[in-house]
Amino acid sequence: MQLARTLTAAALALALGATVAAAQKATPLEQYKDWGAYAFSAGGGKVCYAISKPTAKEPGDRNHGDVFFFVTHRPSEKVRNEASLLVGYTFREGSPVTVDIDGTKYRMFSKGDGAWVENAAEEGRLIGAMKAGHGMTVSGTSSRGTDTKYTFSLSGVTAALGRIDKECN
């Protein structure tokens, strides 16, 4: 239950273009191992997302704040499978973020405390790799110059993505 509350609170900070009030009403759909599926209504449309917290944060002696990886559907905007990362600090301006799934790397751009896939055409490949993969790490650089690395479990991601596919078709 604590994880559900934490993940719902993370939706408040997610850059979805929704109002804070709408995000506060995010409904947990189901928890699938390490990934949760959620939905809420905003701006005349439904928003669904799968979300997970990292299982490890590096360096271990730093305050990373809350860190989440999202996959979002916004059907009213014709957005599906938008992968993003939200961290508890600001990334170094213009610094890339790298997602590594079983040795295959995907590049994200950072802005403020978030990161998104640089080439939208790569999102489908990233999502496919997440579904088939065994491990995912995400690396970036903070505004203070600290190199950070997060390890995410992919256990439950396929089921969570399937659920948001049904919920936001």
Protein backbone atom coordinates (compact mmCIF):
# COMPACT_ATOMS: atom_id res chain seq x y z
CA MET A 1 0.00 0.00 0.00
CA GLN A 2 2.91 2.36 0.78
CA LEU A 3 4.29 1.76 -2.72
CA ALA A 4 0.91 2.64 -4.23
CA ARG A 5 0.79 5.91 -2.26
CA THR A 6 4.35 6.78 -3.24
CA LEU A 7 3.73 6.02 -6.90
CA THR A 8 0.49 8.00 -6.92
CA ALA A 9 2.33 10.94 -5.36
CA ALA A 10 4.92 10.68 -8.12
CA ALA A 11 2.18 11.34 -10.64
CA LEU A 12 1.93 14.82 -9.16
CA ALA A 13 5.35 15.66 -10.49
CA LEU A 14 5.04 13.88 -13.82
CA ALA A 15 5.08 16.30 -16.73
CA LEU A 16 1.88 15.15 -18.37
CA GLY A 17 0.33 18.54 -18.88
CA ALA A 18 -2.35 17.61 -16.33
CA THR A 19 -3.44 19.65 -13.39
CA VAL A 20 -2.24 18.73 -9.94
CA ALA A 21 -5.81 18.08 -8.89
CA ALA A 22 -6.28 15.53 -11.67
CA ALA A 23 -3.01 13.77 -10.85
CA GLN A 24 -4.02 13.52 -7.20
CA LYS A 25 -6.96 11.43 -8.33
CA ALA A 26 -4.80 8.82 -10.07
CA THR A 27 -6.41 5.44 -9.62
CA PRO A 28 -4.17 2.47 -8.98
CA LEU A 29 -5.31 -0.18 -11.46
CA GLU A 30 -3.06 -3.02 -10.32
CA GLN A 31 0.42 -3.81 -9.04
CA TYR A 32 2.36 -6.31 -11.16
CA LYS A 33 5.45 -7.31 -9.19
CA ASP A 34 7.76 -4.25 -9.47
CA TRP A 35 5.54 -2.22 -11.84
CA GLY A 36 2.24 -0.52 -11.12
CA ALA A 37 -0.49 0.53 -13.55
CA TYR A 38 -2.41 3.79 -12.92
CA ALA A 39 -4.96 6.01 -14.65
CA PHE A 40 -6.51 9.43 -14.23
CA SER A 41 -8.52 11.94 -16.25
CA ALA A 42 -7.02 15.26 -17.26
CA GLY A 43 -7.86 17.95 -19.76
CA GLY A 44 -10.76 16.05 -21.26
CA GLY A 45 -8.86 12.81 -21.72
CA LYS A 46 -7.72 9.76 -19.87
CA VAL A 47 -4.04 9.25 -19.00
CA CYS A 48 -2.60 5.84 -18.13
CA TYR A 49 0.88 4.99 -17.01
CA ALA A 50 3.04 2.14 -15.82
CA ILE A 51 5.58 3.11 -13.17
CA SER A 52 8.44 1.63 -11.19
CA LYS A 53 11.01 2.70 -8.61
CA PRO A 54 14.66 1.67 -8.87
CA THR A 55 15.92 -1.32 -6.92
CA ALA A 56 19.35 0.33 -6.54
CA LYS A 57 20.66 3.92 -6.65
CA GLU A 58 24.30 4.93 -7.19
CA PRO A 59 26.23 6.56 -5.68
CA GLY A 60 24.89 5.22 -2.43
CA ASP A 61 26.04 8.17 -0.34
CA ARG A 62 23.85 10.76 -2.12
CA ASN A 63 20.27 11.92 -1.67
CA HIS A 64 18.62 11.06 -4.97
CA GLY A 65 15.13 12.03 -3.86
CA ASP A 66 12.27 10.08 -5.40
CA VAL A 67 13.16 8.39 -8.69
CA PHE A 68 10.61 6.84 -11.06
CA PHE A 69 10.54 5.38 -14.57
CA PHE A 70 7.23 5.84 -16.42
CA VAL A 71 5.60 4.61 -19.60
CA THR A 72 2.62 6.81 -20.41
CA HIS A 73 -0.40 6.70 -22.75
CA ARG A 74 -2.36 9.89 -23.49
CA PRO A 75 -4.87 8.79 -26.15
CA SER A 76 -6.50 12.23 -26.50
CA GLU A 77 -3.06 13.54 -27.61
CA LYS A 78 -2.31 10.42 -29.67
CA VAL A 79 0.63 9.58 -27.36
CA ARG A 80 1.41 5.93 -26.59
CA ASN A 81 4.40 4.34 -24.90
CA GLU A 82 6.10 7.60 -23.93
CA ALA A 83 9.02 6.53 -21.75
CA SER A 84 10.29 9.00 -19.17
CA LEU A 85 12.38 9.24 -16.04
CA LEU A 86 11.72 11.53 -13.09
CA VAL A 87 14.42 12.12 -10.46
CA GLY A 88 14.59 14.10 -7.23
CA TYR A 89 17.20 16.59 -8.47
CA THR A 90 18.03 18.63 -11.57
CA PHE A 91 20.04 17.09 -14.38
CA ARG A 92 23.02 18.97 -15.79
CA GLU A 93 21.65 21.20 -18.56
CA GLY A 94 21.92 19.48 -21.93
CA SER A 95 23.32 16.26 -20.50
CA PRO A 96 22.10 12.97 -21.99
CA VAL A 97 20.57 10.15 -20.00
CA THR A 98 21.27 6.57 -21.08
CA VAL A 99 18.95 3.60 -20.68
CA ASP A 100 20.75 0.25 -20.92
CA ILE A 101 18.68 -2.90 -21.31
CA ASP A 102 20.80 -6.03 -21.42
CA GLY A 103 23.60 -4.16 -23.19
CA THR A 104 21.48 -2.25 -25.72
CA LYS A 105 21.55 1.50 -25.10
CA TYR A 106 18.85 4.11 -25.71
CA ARG A 107 19.49 7.83 -25.44
CA MET A 108 17.21 10.23 -23.59
CA PHE A 109 17.40 14.01 -23.34
CA SER A 110 17.14 15.66 -19.95
CA LYS A 111 15.33 18.81 -18.92
CA GLY A 112 15.12 19.85 -15.30
CA ASP A 113 14.38 16.76 -13.24
CA GLY A 114 13.07 14.64 -16.12
CA ALA A 115 14.31 12.73 -19.15
CA TRP A 116 12.54 11.52 -22.31
CA VAL A 117 13.55 9.39 -25.28
CA GLU A 118 15.49 11.60 -27.67
CA ASN A 119 14.15 10.00 -30.85
CA ALA A 120 10.43 9.20 -30.58
CA ALA A 121 10.86 6.54 -33.28
CA GLU A 122 13.03 4.62 -30.77
CA GLU A 123 10.31 4.40 -28.12
CA GLY A 124 8.77 1.28 -29.63
CA ARG A 125 12.15 -0.47 -29.60
CA LEU A 126 12.76 0.62 -26.01
CA ILE A 127 9.37 -0.67 -24.87
CA GLY A 128 9.95 -3.96 -26.72
CA ALA A 129 13.35 -4.30 -25.05
CA MET A 130 11.81 -3.61 -21.65
CA LYS A 131 9.24 -6.39 -22.20
CA ALA A 132 11.88 -8.89 -23.34
CA GLY A 133 14.72 -7.74 -21.10
CA HIS A 134 16.20 -9.02 -17.89
CA GLY A 135 17.69 -5.82 -16.47
CA MET A 136 17.56 -2.07 -17.03
CA THR A 137 19.89 0.64 -15.81
CA VAL A 138 19.51 4.37 -16.34
CA SER A 139 22.50 6.72 -16.04
CA GLY A 140 22.73 10.50 -16.02
CA THR A 141 24.60 13.47 -14.58
CA SER A 142 23.22 15.84 -11.96
CA SER A 143 23.54 19.61 -12.19
CA ARG A 144 26.31 19.30 -9.58
CA GLY A 145 28.26 16.96 -11.86
CA THR A 146 27.50 13.74 -10.00
CA ASP A 147 27.20 10.69 -12.24
CA THR A 148 24.13 8.72 -11.16
CA LYS A 149 22.94 5.24 -12.02
CA TYR A 150 19.64 3.52 -11.29
CA THR A 151 18.83 -0.17 -11.61
CA PHE A 152 15.22 -1.05 -12.39
CA SER A 153 13.58 -4.43 -12.24
CA LEU A 154 11.65 -5.37 -15.36
CA SER A 155 9.60 -7.93 -13.44
CA GLY A 156 5.94 -7.13 -14.10
CA VAL A 157 6.51 -4.51 -16.81
CA THR A 158 4.81 -6.56 -19.56
CA ALA A 159 1.68 -7.08 -17.46
CA ALA A 160 1.57 -3.42 -16.37
CA LEU A 161 1.94 -2.23 -19.97
CA GLY A 162 -0.78 -4.67 -21.06
CA ARG A 163 -3.08 -3.23 -18.43
CA ILE A 164 -2.57 0.39 -19.52
CA ASP A 165 -3.03 -0.73 -23.14
CA LYS A 166 -6.50 -2.04 -22.17
CA GLU A 167 -7.35 0.94 -19.98
CA CYS A 168 -6.28 3.63 -22.46
CA ASN A 169 -6.98 2.10 -25.86
